[in-house]
Amino acid sequence: MADVTAVNAQITDAVTQTNVKVVAEAPAQAIASLYQVASHSAGLSMQNAVQSQQALNQISTAVVSKAAALIMAIGET
């Protein structure tokens, strides 16, 4: 027959406290992770907006330049 040994009460108490601590901190960790992901996605969307605005500024500069060249060429013909 197997020899039954009792587990020290301090060991079971330490394991129980560790489990309670992990379970108690889980919601806070989840919310912190959610906030981090949300702020990262907001930052990425702002970066995309800035890049899009810069691209449109480059295109508008080329369009204005070409329009000015066409207007100046009207009198040459």
N, C-alpha and C. Protein backbone atom coordinates (compact mmCIF):
# COMPACT_ATOMS: atom_id res chain seq x y z
N MET A 1 0.83 -1.18 0.00
CA MET A 1 0.00 0.00 0.00
C MET A 1 0.88 1.24 0.00
N ALA A 2 0.40 2.31 -0.64
CA ALA A 2 1.19 3.53 -0.76
C ALA A 2 1.30 4.24 0.58
N ASP A 3 2.46 4.81 0.79
CA ASP A 3 2.69 5.54 2.02
C ASP A 3 2.08 6.94 1.87
N VAL A 4 1.14 7.31 2.70
CA VAL A 4 0.46 8.61 2.63
C VAL A 4 1.21 9.59 3.51
N THR A 5 1.64 10.70 2.88
CA THR A 5 2.31 11.74 3.66
C THR A 5 1.47 13.00 3.61
N ALA A 6 1.39 13.66 4.72
CA ALA A 6 0.62 14.90 4.79
C ALA A 6 1.44 16.04 4.21
N VAL A 7 0.76 16.96 3.53
CA VAL A 7 1.43 18.13 2.97
C VAL A 7 1.40 19.23 4.02
N ASN A 8 2.50 19.90 4.14
CA ASN A 8 2.61 20.98 5.11
C ASN A 8 1.57 22.06 4.80
N ALA A 9 0.91 22.56 5.82
CA ALA A 9 -0.13 23.57 5.64
C ALA A 9 0.43 24.86 5.05
N GLN A 10 1.68 25.18 5.35
CA GLN A 10 2.28 26.40 4.79
C GLN A 10 2.44 26.28 3.28
N ILE A 11 2.73 25.09 2.79
CA ILE A 11 2.89 24.89 1.34
C ILE A 11 1.54 25.05 0.64
N THR A 12 0.51 24.41 1.18
CA THR A 12 -0.80 24.55 0.55
C THR A 12 -1.29 25.99 0.60
N ASP A 13 -1.01 26.68 1.69
CA ASP A 13 -1.39 28.08 1.81
C ASP A 13 -0.67 28.94 0.78
N ALA A 14 0.62 28.69 0.56
CA ALA A 14 1.39 29.46 -0.41
C ALA A 14 0.87 29.22 -1.82
N VAL A 15 0.56 27.98 -2.15
CA VAL A 15 0.02 27.66 -3.49
C VAL A 15 -1.34 28.33 -3.68
N THR A 16 -2.18 28.26 -2.66
CA THR A 16 -3.50 28.87 -2.73
C THR A 16 -3.41 30.38 -2.92
N GLN A 17 -2.54 31.02 -2.16
CA GLN A 17 -2.37 32.48 -2.29
C GLN A 17 -1.86 32.86 -3.67
N THR A 18 -0.95 32.06 -4.22
CA THR A 18 -0.43 32.34 -5.56
C THR A 18 -1.54 32.22 -6.60
N ASN A 19 -2.35 31.18 -6.48
CA ASN A 19 -3.46 31.00 -7.42
C ASN A 19 -4.46 32.15 -7.32
N VAL A 20 -4.78 32.57 -6.12
CA VAL A 20 -5.71 33.68 -5.93
C VAL A 20 -5.13 34.96 -6.52
N LYS A 21 -3.84 35.19 -6.34
CA LYS A 21 -3.20 36.39 -6.87
C LYS A 21 -3.26 36.41 -8.40
N VAL A 22 -3.00 35.27 -9.03
CA VAL A 22 -3.02 35.19 -10.49
C VAL A 22 -4.43 35.43 -11.01
N VAL A 23 -5.42 34.80 -10.38
CA VAL A 23 -6.80 34.96 -10.81
C VAL A 23 -7.28 36.40 -10.59
N ALA A 24 -6.85 37.02 -9.50
CA ALA A 24 -7.29 38.38 -9.21
C ALA A 24 -6.67 39.40 -10.15
N GLU A 25 -5.44 39.13 -10.64
CA GLU A 25 -4.78 40.08 -11.52
C GLU A 25 -5.16 39.92 -12.99
N ALA A 26 -5.81 38.83 -13.35
CA ALA A 26 -6.12 38.56 -14.75
C ALA A 26 -6.98 39.65 -15.41
N PRO A 27 -8.05 40.14 -14.79
CA PRO A 27 -8.84 41.19 -15.45
C PRO A 27 -8.04 42.48 -15.68
N ALA A 28 -7.21 42.85 -14.73
CA ALA A 28 -6.41 44.06 -14.90
C ALA A 28 -5.42 43.90 -16.04
N GLN A 29 -4.81 42.73 -16.14
CA GLN A 29 -3.88 42.46 -17.24
C GLN A 29 -4.60 42.50 -18.58
N ALA A 30 -5.80 41.95 -18.63
CA ALA A 30 -6.57 41.93 -19.87
C ALA A 30 -6.94 43.35 -20.31
N ILE A 31 -7.37 44.17 -19.38
CA ILE A 31 -7.73 45.56 -19.71
C ILE A 31 -6.50 46.34 -20.14
N ALA A 32 -5.39 46.13 -19.48
CA ALA A 32 -4.15 46.82 -19.86
C ALA A 32 -3.73 46.42 -21.27
N SER A 33 -3.86 45.16 -21.59
CA SER A 33 -3.53 44.70 -22.94
C SER A 33 -4.48 45.31 -23.96
N LEU A 34 -5.75 45.39 -23.63
CA LEU A 34 -6.73 46.00 -24.52
C LEU A 34 -6.41 47.47 -24.76
N TYR A 35 -6.08 48.22 -23.71
CA TYR A 35 -5.72 49.63 -23.86
C TYR A 35 -4.49 49.80 -24.73
N GLN A 36 -3.53 48.91 -24.56
CA GLN A 36 -2.29 49.00 -25.33
C GLN A 36 -2.57 48.76 -26.81
N VAL A 37 -3.37 47.76 -27.13
CA VAL A 37 -3.70 47.45 -28.52
C VAL A 37 -4.52 48.58 -29.13
N ALA A 38 -5.46 49.14 -28.37
CA ALA A 38 -6.29 50.22 -28.89
C ALA A 38 -5.46 51.47 -29.17
N SER A 39 -4.54 51.81 -28.28
CA SER A 39 -3.71 53.00 -28.52
C SER A 39 -2.76 52.78 -29.69
N HIS A 40 -2.27 51.55 -29.85
CA HIS A 40 -1.39 51.25 -30.98
C HIS A 40 -2.14 51.39 -32.30
N SER A 41 -3.37 50.88 -32.36
CA SER A 41 -4.14 50.98 -33.60
C SER A 41 -4.52 52.43 -33.89
N ALA A 42 -4.79 53.22 -32.86
CA ALA A 42 -5.08 54.64 -33.08
C ALA A 42 -3.84 55.36 -33.62
N GLY A 43 -2.68 55.02 -33.10
CA GLY A 43 -1.44 55.61 -33.61
C GLY A 43 -1.19 55.23 -35.05
N LEU A 44 -1.45 53.97 -35.40
CA LEU A 44 -1.26 53.55 -36.79
C LEU A 44 -2.22 54.28 -37.73
N SER A 45 -3.46 54.48 -37.30
CA SER A 45 -4.41 55.19 -38.16
C SER A 45 -3.99 56.65 -38.35
N MET A 46 -3.42 57.26 -37.32
CA MET A 46 -2.93 58.63 -37.48
C MET A 46 -1.73 58.68 -38.42
N GLN A 47 -0.85 57.70 -38.32
CA GLN A 47 0.28 57.65 -39.24
C GLN A 47 -0.19 57.48 -40.68
N ASN A 48 -1.20 56.65 -40.89
CA ASN A 48 -1.75 56.46 -42.23
C ASN A 48 -2.38 57.75 -42.75
N ALA A 49 -3.06 58.48 -41.88
CA ALA A 49 -3.67 59.74 -42.30
C ALA A 49 -2.61 60.76 -42.70
N VAL A 50 -1.54 60.84 -41.94
CA VAL A 50 -0.46 61.78 -42.26
C VAL A 50 0.20 61.41 -43.58
N GLN A 51 0.44 60.11 -43.78
CA GLN A 51 1.08 59.67 -45.02
C GLN A 51 0.18 59.97 -46.22
N SER A 52 -1.11 59.76 -46.05
CA SER A 52 -2.06 60.04 -47.14
C SER A 52 -2.10 61.54 -47.45
N GLN A 53 -2.07 62.37 -46.43
CA GLN A 53 -2.07 63.82 -46.63
C GLN A 53 -0.80 64.27 -47.33
N GLN A 54 0.33 63.70 -46.97
CA GLN A 54 1.59 64.06 -47.63
C GLN A 54 1.57 63.65 -49.10
N ALA A 55 1.02 62.48 -49.39
CA ALA A 55 0.93 62.03 -50.78
C ALA A 55 0.02 62.96 -51.60
N LEU A 56 -1.09 63.38 -51.00
CA LEU A 56 -1.99 64.30 -51.71
C LEU A 56 -1.34 65.67 -51.91
N ASN A 57 -0.53 66.11 -50.96
CA ASN A 57 0.19 67.38 -51.12
C ASN A 57 1.18 67.30 -52.28
N GLN A 58 1.85 66.17 -52.43
CA GLN A 58 2.78 66.02 -53.55
C GLN A 58 2.03 66.03 -54.88
N ILE A 59 0.89 65.36 -54.93
CA ILE A 59 0.10 65.34 -56.16
C ILE A 59 -0.42 66.73 -56.48
N SER A 60 -0.90 67.45 -55.47
CA SER A 60 -1.45 68.78 -55.73
C SER A 60 -0.37 69.75 -56.20
N THR A 61 0.84 69.59 -55.71
CA THR A 61 1.94 70.43 -56.20
C THR A 61 2.20 70.16 -57.67
N ALA A 62 2.19 68.91 -58.07
CA ALA A 62 2.39 68.59 -59.48
C ALA A 62 1.25 69.10 -60.34
N VAL A 63 0.03 69.01 -59.86
CA VAL A 63 -1.13 69.49 -60.62
C VAL A 63 -1.08 71.00 -60.79
N VAL A 64 -0.75 71.73 -59.74
CA VAL A 64 -0.66 73.19 -59.83
C VAL A 64 0.45 73.59 -60.78
N SER A 65 1.56 72.90 -60.71
CA SER A 65 2.68 73.20 -61.61
C SER A 65 2.29 72.99 -63.06
N LYS A 66 1.63 71.89 -63.36
CA LYS A 66 1.20 71.61 -64.73
C LYS A 66 0.14 72.60 -65.18
N ALA A 67 -0.81 72.95 -64.32
CA ALA A 67 -1.84 73.93 -64.67
C ALA A 67 -1.23 75.29 -64.95
N ALA A 68 -0.26 75.69 -64.15
CA ALA A 68 0.41 76.98 -64.40
C ALA A 68 1.16 76.94 -65.73
N ALA A 69 1.80 75.83 -66.04
CA ALA A 69 2.51 75.70 -67.32
C ALA A 69 1.52 75.77 -68.49
N LEU A 70 0.36 75.15 -68.36
CA LEU A 70 -0.64 75.19 -69.42
C LEU A 70 -1.21 76.59 -69.59
N ILE A 71 -1.44 77.30 -68.50
CA ILE A 71 -1.96 78.66 -68.58
C ILE A 71 -0.94 79.58 -69.24
N MET A 72 0.32 79.41 -68.90
CA MET A 72 1.37 80.26 -69.49
C MET A 72 1.57 79.92 -70.96
N ALA A 73 1.26 78.70 -71.38
CA ALA A 73 1.44 78.31 -72.78
C ALA A 73 0.31 78.77 -73.67
N ILE A 74 -0.76 79.31 -73.12
CA ILE A 74 -1.91 79.72 -73.93
C ILE A 74 -1.52 80.83 -74.89
N GLY A 75 -0.77 81.79 -74.47
CA GLY A 75 -0.41 82.92 -75.31
C GLY A 75 0.66 82.61 -76.34
N GLU A 76 1.32 81.50 -76.26
CA GLU A 76 2.44 81.18 -77.15
C GLU A 76 1.98 80.64 -78.50
N THR A 77 0.76 80.17 -78.61
CA THR A 77 0.33 79.60 -79.89
C THR A 77 -0.19 80.61 -80.86
